[in-house]
């Protein structure tokens, strides 16, 4: 998480809001389909 945070672009909008996150998460049963 520490290493990932150094790639974040943080935008000030009344609090810290990450505006340009590099990744996307997927829930998958077998690693090929979005199905979980």
ModelCIF file with pLDDT and N, C-alpha, C, O atoms, coordinates in Angstrom:
data_MODEL
#
_entry.id   MODEL 
#
_entity.id                         1 
_entity.type                       polymer 
_entity.pdbx_number_of_molecules   1 
#
_entity_poly.entity_id                      1 
_entity_poly.type                           'polypeptide(L)' 
_entity_poly.nstd_linkage                   no 
_entity_poly.nstd_monomer                   no 
_entity_poly.pdbx_seq_one_letter_code       
;(UNK)(UNK)(UNK)(UNK)(UNK)(UNK)(UNK)(UNK)(UNK)(UNK)(UNK)(UNK)(UNK)(UNK)(UNK)(UNK)
(UNK)(UNK)(UNK)(UNK)(UNK)(UNK)(UNK)(UNK)(UNK)(UNK)(UNK)(UNK)(UNK)(UNK)(UNK)(UNK)
(UNK)(UNK)(UNK)(UNK)
;
_entity_poly.pdbx_seq_one_letter_code_can   XXXXXXXXXXXXXXXXXXXXXXXXXXXXXXXXXXXX 
_entity_poly.pdbx_strand_id                 A 
#
loop_
_entity_poly_seq.entity_id 
_entity_poly_seq.num 
_entity_poly_seq.mon_id 
_entity_poly_seq.hetero 
1 1  UNK n 
1 2  UNK n 
1 3  UNK n 
1 4  UNK n 
1 5  UNK n 
1 6  UNK n 
1 7  UNK n 
1 8  UNK n 
1 9  UNK n 
1 10 UNK n 
1 11 UNK n 
1 12 UNK n 
1 13 UNK n 
1 14 UNK n 
1 15 UNK n 
1 16 UNK n 
1 17 UNK n 
1 18 UNK n 
1 19 UNK n 
1 20 UNK n 
1 21 UNK n 
1 22 UNK n 
1 23 UNK n 
1 24 UNK n 
1 25 UNK n 
1 26 UNK n 
1 27 UNK n 
1 28 UNK n 
1 29 UNK n 
1 30 UNK n 
1 31 UNK n 
1 32 UNK n 
1 33 UNK n 
1 34 UNK n 
1 35 UNK n 
1 36 UNK n 
#
_struct_asym.id          A 
_struct_asym.entity_id   1 
#
loop_
_ma_qa_metric.id 
_ma_qa_metric.mode 
_ma_qa_metric.name 
_ma_qa_metric.software_group_id 
_ma_qa_metric.type 
1 global pLDDT . pLDDT 
2 local  pLDDT . pLDDT 
#
_ma_qa_metric_global.metric_id      1 
_ma_qa_metric_global.metric_value   75.94 
_ma_qa_metric_global.model_id       1 
_ma_qa_metric_global.ordinal_id     1 
#
loop_
_ma_qa_metric_local.label_asym_id 
_ma_qa_metric_local.label_comp_id 
_ma_qa_metric_local.label_seq_id 
_ma_qa_metric_local.metric_id 
_ma_qa_metric_local.metric_value 
_ma_qa_metric_local.model_id 
_ma_qa_metric_local.ordinal_id 
A UNK 1  2 80.00 1 1  
A UNK 2  2 85.00 1 2  
A UNK 3  2 80.00 1 3  
A UNK 4  2 76.00 1 4  
A UNK 5  2 79.00 1 5  
A UNK 6  2 77.00 1 6  
A UNK 7  2 70.00 1 7  
A UNK 8  2 72.00 1 8  
A UNK 9  2 68.00 1 9  
A UNK 10 2 69.00 1 10 
A UNK 11 2 59.00 1 11 
A UNK 12 2 57.00 1 12 
A UNK 13 2 47.00 1 13 
A UNK 14 2 46.00 1 14 
A UNK 15 2 46.00 1 15 
A UNK 16 2 45.00 1 16 
A UNK 17 2 47.00 1 17 
A UNK 18 2 49.00 1 18 
A UNK 19 2 51.00 1 19 
A UNK 20 2 63.00 1 20 
A UNK 21 2 77.00 1 21 
A UNK 22 2 83.00 1 22 
A UNK 23 2 88.00 1 23 
A UNK 24 2 92.00 1 24 
A UNK 25 2 95.00 1 25 
A UNK 26 2 96.00 1 26 
A UNK 27 2 96.00 1 27 
A UNK 28 2 95.00 1 28 
A UNK 29 2 94.00 1 29 
A UNK 30 2 92.00 1 30 
A UNK 31 2 92.00 1 31 
A UNK 32 2 92.00 1 32 
A UNK 33 2 94.00 1 33 
A UNK 34 2 94.00 1 34 
A UNK 35 2 94.00 1 35 
A UNK 36 2 94.00 1 36 
#
loop_
_atom_site.group_PDB 
_atom_site.id 
_atom_site.type_symbol 
_atom_site.label_atom_id 
_atom_site.label_alt_id 
_atom_site.label_comp_id 
_atom_site.label_asym_id 
_atom_site.label_entity_id 
_atom_site.label_seq_id 
_atom_site.pdbx_PDB_ins_code 
_atom_site.Cartn_x 
_atom_site.Cartn_y 
_atom_site.Cartn_z 
_atom_site.occupancy 
_atom_site.B_iso_or_equiv 
_atom_site.pdbx_formal_charge 
_atom_site.auth_seq_id 
_atom_site.auth_comp_id 
_atom_site.auth_asym_id 
_atom_site.auth_atom_id 
_atom_site.pdbx_PDB_model_num 
ATOM 1   N N  . UNK A 1 1  ? 0.830   -1.205  0.000   1.00 80.00 ? 1  UNK A N  1 
ATOM 2   C CA . UNK A 1 1  ? 0.000   0.000   0.000   1.00 80.00 ? 1  UNK A CA 1 
ATOM 3   C C  . UNK A 1 1  ? 0.864   1.255   0.000   1.00 80.00 ? 1  UNK A C  1 
ATOM 4   O O  . UNK A 1 1  ? 0.569   2.215   -0.712  1.00 80.00 ? 1  UNK A O  1 
ATOM 5   N N  . UNK A 1 2  ? 1.939   1.249   0.803   1.00 85.00 ? 2  UNK A N  1 
ATOM 6   C CA . UNK A 1 2  ? 2.853   2.387   0.833   1.00 85.00 ? 2  UNK A CA 1 
ATOM 7   C C  . UNK A 1 2  ? 3.424   2.653   -0.557  1.00 85.00 ? 2  UNK A C  1 
ATOM 8   O O  . UNK A 1 2  ? 3.435   3.794   -1.019  1.00 85.00 ? 2  UNK A O  1 
ATOM 9   N N  . UNK A 1 3  ? 3.893   1.612   -1.214  1.00 80.00 ? 3  UNK A N  1 
ATOM 10  C CA . UNK A 1 3  ? 4.478   1.771   -2.541  1.00 80.00 ? 3  UNK A CA 1 
ATOM 11  C C  . UNK A 1 3  ? 3.441   2.245   -3.558  1.00 80.00 ? 3  UNK A C  1 
ATOM 12  O O  . UNK A 1 3  ? 3.745   3.045   -4.443  1.00 80.00 ? 3  UNK A O  1 
ATOM 13  N N  . UNK A 1 4  ? 2.214   1.742   -3.421  1.00 76.00 ? 4  UNK A N  1 
ATOM 14  C CA . UNK A 1 4  ? 1.161   2.156   -4.343  1.00 76.00 ? 4  UNK A CA 1 
ATOM 15  C C  . UNK A 1 4  ? 0.773   3.620   -4.148  1.00 76.00 ? 4  UNK A C  1 
ATOM 16  O O  . UNK A 1 4  ? 0.439   4.314   -5.108  1.00 76.00 ? 4  UNK A O  1 
ATOM 17  N N  . UNK A 1 5  ? 0.818   4.080   -2.907  1.00 79.00 ? 5  UNK A N  1 
ATOM 18  C CA . UNK A 1 5  ? 0.395   5.456   -2.616  1.00 79.00 ? 5  UNK A CA 1 
ATOM 19  C C  . UNK A 1 5  ? 1.289   6.489   -3.296  1.00 79.00 ? 5  UNK A C  1 
ATOM 20  O O  . UNK A 1 5  ? 0.842   7.599   -3.584  1.00 79.00 ? 5  UNK A O  1 
ATOM 21  N N  . UNK A 1 6  ? 2.546   6.135   -3.554  1.00 77.00 ? 6  UNK A N  1 
ATOM 22  C CA . UNK A 1 6  ? 3.430   7.114   -4.181  1.00 77.00 ? 6  UNK A CA 1 
ATOM 23  C C  . UNK A 1 6  ? 3.068   7.376   -5.642  1.00 77.00 ? 6  UNK A C  1 
ATOM 24  O O  . UNK A 1 6  ? 3.606   8.295   -6.260  1.00 77.00 ? 6  UNK A O  1 
ATOM 25  N N  . UNK A 1 7  ? 2.157   6.572   -6.198  1.00 70.00 ? 7  UNK A N  1 
ATOM 26  C CA . UNK A 1 7  ? 1.728   6.775   -7.581  1.00 70.00 ? 7  UNK A CA 1 
ATOM 27  C C  . UNK A 1 7  ? 0.404   7.545   -7.658  1.00 70.00 ? 7  UNK A C  1 
ATOM 28  O O  . UNK A 1 7  ? -0.088  7.834   -8.749  1.00 70.00 ? 7  UNK A O  1 
ATOM 29  N N  . UNK A 1 8  ? -0.164  7.873   -6.501  1.00 72.00 ? 8  UNK A N  1 
ATOM 30  C CA . UNK A 1 8  ? -1.466  8.527   -6.492  1.00 72.00 ? 8  UNK A CA 1 
ATOM 31  C C  . UNK A 1 8  ? -1.358  10.017  -6.755  1.00 72.00 ? 8  UNK A C  1 
ATOM 32  O O  . UNK A 1 8  ? -0.428  10.679  -6.293  1.00 72.00 ? 8  UNK A O  1 
ATOM 33  N N  . UNK A 1 9  ? -2.307  10.527  -7.493  1.00 68.00 ? 9  UNK A N  1 
ATOM 34  C CA . UNK A 1 9  ? -2.474  11.972  -7.624  1.00 68.00 ? 9  UNK A CA 1 
ATOM 35  C C  . UNK A 1 9  ? -3.626  12.364  -6.725  1.00 68.00 ? 9  UNK A C  1 
ATOM 36  O O  . UNK A 1 9  ? -4.743  11.880  -6.903  1.00 68.00 ? 9  UNK A O  1 
ATOM 37  N N  . UNK A 1 10 ? -3.372  13.231  -5.765  1.00 69.00 ? 10 UNK A N  1 
ATOM 38  C CA . UNK A 1 10 ? -4.389  13.564  -4.773  1.00 69.00 ? 10 UNK A CA 1 
ATOM 39  C C  . UNK A 1 10 ? -4.916  14.965  -5.014  1.00 69.00 ? 10 UNK A C  1 
ATOM 40  O O  . UNK A 1 10 ? -4.150  15.923  -5.125  1.00 69.00 ? 10 UNK A O  1 
ATOM 41  N N  . UNK A 1 11 ? -6.219  15.071  -5.093  1.00 59.00 ? 11 UNK A N  1 
ATOM 42  C CA . UNK A 1 11 ? -6.892  16.333  -5.371  1.00 59.00 ? 11 UNK A CA 1 
ATOM 43  C C  . UNK A 1 11 ? -7.561  16.823  -4.100  1.00 59.00 ? 11 UNK A C  1 
ATOM 44  O O  . UNK A 1 11 ? -8.254  16.055  -3.433  1.00 59.00 ? 11 UNK A O  1 
ATOM 45  N N  . UNK A 1 12 ? -7.366  18.093  -3.750  1.00 57.00 ? 12 UNK A N  1 
ATOM 46  C CA . UNK A 1 12 ? -7.972  18.647  -2.538  1.00 57.00 ? 12 UNK A CA 1 
ATOM 47  C C  . UNK A 1 12 ? -9.383  19.136  -2.834  1.00 57.00 ? 12 UNK A C  1 
ATOM 48  O O  . UNK A 1 12 ? -9.578  20.077  -3.604  1.00 57.00 ? 12 UNK A O  1 
ATOM 49  N N  . UNK A 1 13 ? -10.365 18.487  -2.216  1.00 47.00 ? 13 UNK A N  1 
ATOM 50  C CA . UNK A 1 13 ? -11.765 18.876  -2.396  1.00 47.00 ? 13 UNK A CA 1 
ATOM 51  C C  . UNK A 1 13 ? -12.465 18.813  -1.046  1.00 47.00 ? 13 UNK A C  1 
ATOM 52  O O  . UNK A 1 13 ? -13.420 18.059  -0.858  1.00 47.00 ? 13 UNK A O  1 
ATOM 53  N N  . UNK A 1 14 ? -11.974 19.617  -0.112  1.00 46.00 ? 14 UNK A N  1 
ATOM 54  C CA . UNK A 1 14 ? -12.532 19.574  1.232   1.00 46.00 ? 14 UNK A CA 1 
ATOM 55  C C  . UNK A 1 14 ? -12.051 18.357  1.998   1.00 46.00 ? 14 UNK A C  1 
ATOM 56  O O  . UNK A 1 14 ? -12.590 18.042  3.059   1.00 46.00 ? 14 UNK A O  1 
ATOM 57  N N  . UNK A 1 15 ? -11.076 17.690  1.495   1.00 46.00 ? 15 UNK A N  1 
ATOM 58  C CA . UNK A 1 15 ? -10.515 16.483  2.072   1.00 46.00 ? 15 UNK A CA 1 
ATOM 59  C C  . UNK A 1 15 ? -9.698  15.808  0.998   1.00 46.00 ? 15 UNK A C  1 
ATOM 60  O O  . UNK A 1 15 ? -9.756  16.215  -0.163  1.00 46.00 ? 15 UNK A O  1 
ATOM 61  N N  . UNK A 1 16 ? -8.948  14.801  1.345   1.00 45.00 ? 16 UNK A N  1 
ATOM 62  C CA . UNK A 1 16 ? -8.100  14.147  0.349   1.00 45.00 ? 16 UNK A CA 1 
ATOM 63  C C  . UNK A 1 16 ? -8.933  13.211  -0.509  1.00 45.00 ? 16 UNK A C  1 
ATOM 64  O O  . UNK A 1 16 ? -9.519  12.261  0.010   1.00 45.00 ? 16 UNK A O  1 
ATOM 65  N N  . UNK A 1 17 ? -8.995  13.454  -1.789  1.00 47.00 ? 17 UNK A N  1 
ATOM 66  C CA . UNK A 1 17 ? -9.701  12.579  -2.713  1.00 47.00 ? 17 UNK A CA 1 
ATOM 67  C C  . UNK A 1 17 ? -8.746  12.182  -3.828  1.00 47.00 ? 17 UNK A C  1 
ATOM 68  O O  . UNK A 1 17 ? -8.172  13.039  -4.501  1.00 47.00 ? 17 UNK A O  1 
ATOM 69  N N  . UNK A 1 18 ? -8.581  10.895  -4.015  1.00 49.00 ? 18 UNK A N  1 
ATOM 70  C CA . UNK A 1 18 ? -7.646  10.438  -5.029  1.00 49.00 ? 18 UNK A CA 1 
ATOM 71  C C  . UNK A 1 18 ? -8.291  10.571  -6.396  1.00 49.00 ? 18 UNK A C  1 
ATOM 72  O O  . UNK A 1 18 ? -9.360  10.012  -6.640  1.00 49.00 ? 18 UNK A O  1 
ATOM 73  N N  . UNK A 1 19 ? -7.642  11.313  -7.292  1.00 51.00 ? 19 UNK A N  1 
ATOM 74  C CA . UNK A 1 19 ? -8.251  11.617  -8.577  1.00 51.00 ? 19 UNK A CA 1 
ATOM 75  C C  . UNK A 1 19 ? -7.714  10.756  -9.705  1.00 51.00 ? 19 UNK A C  1 
ATOM 76  O O  . UNK A 1 19 ? -8.359  10.655  -10.749 1.00 51.00 ? 19 UNK A O  1 
ATOM 77  N N  . UNK A 1 20 ? -6.583  10.146  -9.537  1.00 63.00 ? 20 UNK A N  1 
ATOM 78  C CA . UNK A 1 20 ? -6.001  9.391   -10.642 1.00 63.00 ? 20 UNK A CA 1 
ATOM 79  C C  . UNK A 1 20 ? -5.349  8.133   -10.089 1.00 63.00 ? 20 UNK A C  1 
ATOM 80  O O  . UNK A 1 20 ? -4.132  8.080   -9.912  1.00 63.00 ? 20 UNK A O  1 
ATOM 81  N N  . UNK A 1 21 ? -6.163  7.125   -9.820  1.00 77.00 ? 21 UNK A N  1 
ATOM 82  C CA . UNK A 1 21 ? -5.643  5.890   -9.249  1.00 77.00 ? 21 UNK A CA 1 
ATOM 83  C C  . UNK A 1 21 ? -5.245  4.954   -10.384 1.00 77.00 ? 21 UNK A C  1 
ATOM 84  O O  . UNK A 1 21 ? -5.949  4.866   -11.389 1.00 77.00 ? 21 UNK A O  1 
ATOM 85  N N  . UNK A 1 22 ? -4.137  4.266   -10.232 1.00 83.00 ? 22 UNK A N  1 
ATOM 86  C CA . UNK A 1 22 ? -3.614  3.495   -11.357 1.00 83.00 ? 22 UNK A CA 1 
ATOM 87  C C  . UNK A 1 22 ? -4.247  2.131   -11.572 1.00 83.00 ? 22 UNK A C  1 
ATOM 88  O O  . UNK A 1 22 ? -4.055  1.528   -12.628 1.00 83.00 ? 22 UNK A O  1 
ATOM 89  N N  . UNK A 1 23 ? -5.011  1.622   -10.581 1.00 88.00 ? 23 UNK A N  1 
ATOM 90  C CA . UNK A 1 23 ? -5.429  0.227   -10.665 1.00 88.00 ? 23 UNK A CA 1 
ATOM 91  C C  . UNK A 1 23 ? -6.942  0.028   -10.635 1.00 88.00 ? 23 UNK A C  1 
ATOM 92  O O  . UNK A 1 23 ? -7.718  0.954   -10.402 1.00 88.00 ? 23 UNK A O  1 
ATOM 93  N N  . UNK A 1 24 ? -7.320  -1.219  -10.881 1.00 92.00 ? 24 UNK A N  1 
ATOM 94  C CA . UNK A 1 24 ? -8.705  -1.662  -10.904 1.00 92.00 ? 24 UNK A CA 1 
ATOM 95  C C  . UNK A 1 24 ? -8.733  -3.047  -10.269 1.00 92.00 ? 24 UNK A C  1 
ATOM 96  O O  . UNK A 1 24 ? -7.835  -3.853  -10.510 1.00 92.00 ? 24 UNK A O  1 
ATOM 97  N N  . UNK A 1 25 ? -9.752  -3.334  -9.461  1.00 95.00 ? 25 UNK A N  1 
ATOM 98  C CA . UNK A 1 25 ? -9.849  -4.630  -8.785  1.00 95.00 ? 25 UNK A CA 1 
ATOM 99  C C  . UNK A 1 25 ? -10.982 -5.453  -9.390  1.00 95.00 ? 25 UNK A C  1 
ATOM 100 O O  . UNK A 1 25 ? -11.975 -4.906  -9.870  1.00 95.00 ? 25 UNK A O  1 
ATOM 101 N N  . UNK A 1 26 ? -10.820 -6.778  -9.359  1.00 96.00 ? 26 UNK A N  1 
ATOM 102 C CA . UNK A 1 26 ? -11.803 -7.688  -9.953  1.00 96.00 ? 26 UNK A CA 1 
ATOM 103 C C  . UNK A 1 26 ? -12.061 -8.853  -9.009  1.00 96.00 ? 26 UNK A C  1 
ATOM 104 O O  . UNK A 1 26 ? -11.128 -9.424  -8.445  1.00 96.00 ? 26 UNK A O  1 
ATOM 105 N N  . UNK A 1 27 ? -13.341 -9.202  -8.841  1.00 96.00 ? 27 UNK A N  1 
ATOM 106 C CA . UNK A 1 27 ? -13.721 -10.400 -8.089  1.00 96.00 ? 27 UNK A CA 1 
ATOM 107 C C  . UNK A 1 27 ? -14.009 -11.510 -9.086  1.00 96.00 ? 27 UNK A C  1 
ATOM 108 O O  . UNK A 1 27 ? -14.908 -11.398 -9.920  1.00 96.00 ? 27 UNK A O  1 
ATOM 109 N N  . UNK A 1 28 ? -13.227 -12.590 -8.989  1.00 95.00 ? 28 UNK A N  1 
ATOM 110 C CA . UNK A 1 28 ? -13.346 -13.674 -9.974  1.00 95.00 ? 28 UNK A CA 1 
ATOM 111 C C  . UNK A 1 28 ? -13.147 -15.019 -9.297  1.00 95.00 ? 28 UNK A C  1 
ATOM 112 O O  . UNK A 1 28 ? -12.303 -15.162 -8.413  1.00 95.00 ? 28 UNK A O  1 
ATOM 113 N N  . UNK A 1 29 ? -13.940 -16.015 -9.726  1.00 94.00 ? 29 UNK A N  1 
ATOM 114 C CA . UNK A 1 29 ? -13.801 -17.355 -9.171  1.00 94.00 ? 29 UNK A CA 1 
ATOM 115 C C  . UNK A 1 29 ? -12.567 -18.073 -9.684  1.00 94.00 ? 29 UNK A C  1 
ATOM 116 O O  . UNK A 1 29 ? -11.886 -18.773 -8.936  1.00 94.00 ? 29 UNK A O  1 
ATOM 117 N N  . UNK A 1 30 ? -12.279 -17.890 -10.990 1.00 92.00 ? 30 UNK A N  1 
ATOM 118 C CA . UNK A 1 30 ? -11.207 -18.667 -11.598 1.00 92.00 ? 30 UNK A CA 1 
ATOM 119 C C  . UNK A 1 30 ? -10.146 -17.824 -12.294 1.00 92.00 ? 30 UNK A C  1 
ATOM 120 O O  . UNK A 1 30 ? -9.160  -18.360 -12.800 1.00 92.00 ? 30 UNK A O  1 
ATOM 121 N N  . UNK A 1 31 ? -10.344 -16.488 -12.322 1.00 92.00 ? 31 UNK A N  1 
ATOM 122 C CA . UNK A 1 31 ? -9.332  -15.623 -12.896 1.00 92.00 ? 31 UNK A CA 1 
ATOM 123 C C  . UNK A 1 31 ? -9.541  -15.273 -14.349 1.00 92.00 ? 31 UNK A C  1 
ATOM 124 O O  . UNK A 1 31 ? -8.708  -14.588 -14.943 1.00 92.00 ? 31 UNK A O  1 
ATOM 125 N N  . UNK A 1 32 ? -10.644 -15.730 -14.942 1.00 92.00 ? 32 UNK A N  1 
ATOM 126 C CA . UNK A 1 32 ? -10.914 -15.416 -16.343 1.00 92.00 ? 32 UNK A CA 1 
ATOM 127 C C  . UNK A 1 32 ? -12.146 -14.545 -16.506 1.00 92.00 ? 32 UNK A C  1 
ATOM 128 O O  . UNK A 1 32 ? -12.213 -13.734 -17.430 1.00 92.00 ? 32 UNK A O  1 
ATOM 129 N N  . UNK A 1 33 ? -13.119 -14.700 -15.625 1.00 94.00 ? 33 UNK A N  1 
ATOM 130 C CA . UNK A 1 33 ? -14.398 -13.993 -15.734 1.00 94.00 ? 33 UNK A CA 1 
ATOM 131 C C  . UNK A 1 33 ? -14.667 -13.154 -14.492 1.00 94.00 ? 33 UNK A C  1 
ATOM 132 O O  . UNK A 1 33 ? -14.212 -13.477 -13.395 1.00 94.00 ? 33 UNK A O  1 
ATOM 133 N N  . UNK A 1 34 ? -15.417 -12.069 -14.685 1.00 94.00 ? 34 UNK A N  1 
ATOM 134 C CA . UNK A 1 34 ? -15.989 -11.331 -13.551 1.00 94.00 ? 34 UNK A CA 1 
ATOM 135 C C  . UNK A 1 34 ? -17.232 -12.105 -13.157 1.00 94.00 ? 34 UNK A C  1 
ATOM 136 O O  . UNK A 1 34 ? -18.262 -11.974 -13.819 1.00 94.00 ? 34 UNK A O  1 
ATOM 137 N N  . UNK A 1 35 ? -17.172 -12.902 -12.110 1.00 94.00 ? 35 UNK A N  1 
ATOM 138 C CA . UNK A 1 35 ? -18.280 -13.814 -11.805 1.00 94.00 ? 35 UNK A CA 1 
ATOM 139 C C  . UNK A 1 35 ? -18.412 -14.134 -10.319 1.00 94.00 ? 35 UNK A C  1 
ATOM 140 O O  . UNK A 1 35 ? -18.973 -15.169 -9.960  1.00 94.00 ? 35 UNK A O  1 
ATOM 141 N N  . UNK A 1 36 ? -17.900 -13.254 -9.445  1.00 94.00 ? 36 UNK A N  1 
ATOM 142 C CA . UNK A 1 36 ? -17.959 -13.533 -8.017  1.00 94.00 ? 36 UNK A CA 1 
ATOM 143 C C  . UNK A 1 36 ? -18.562 -12.375 -7.251  1.00 94.00 ? 36 UNK A C  1 
ATOM 144 O O  . UNK A 1 36 ? -18.688 -12.442 -6.029  1.00 94.00 ? 36 UNK A O  1 
#
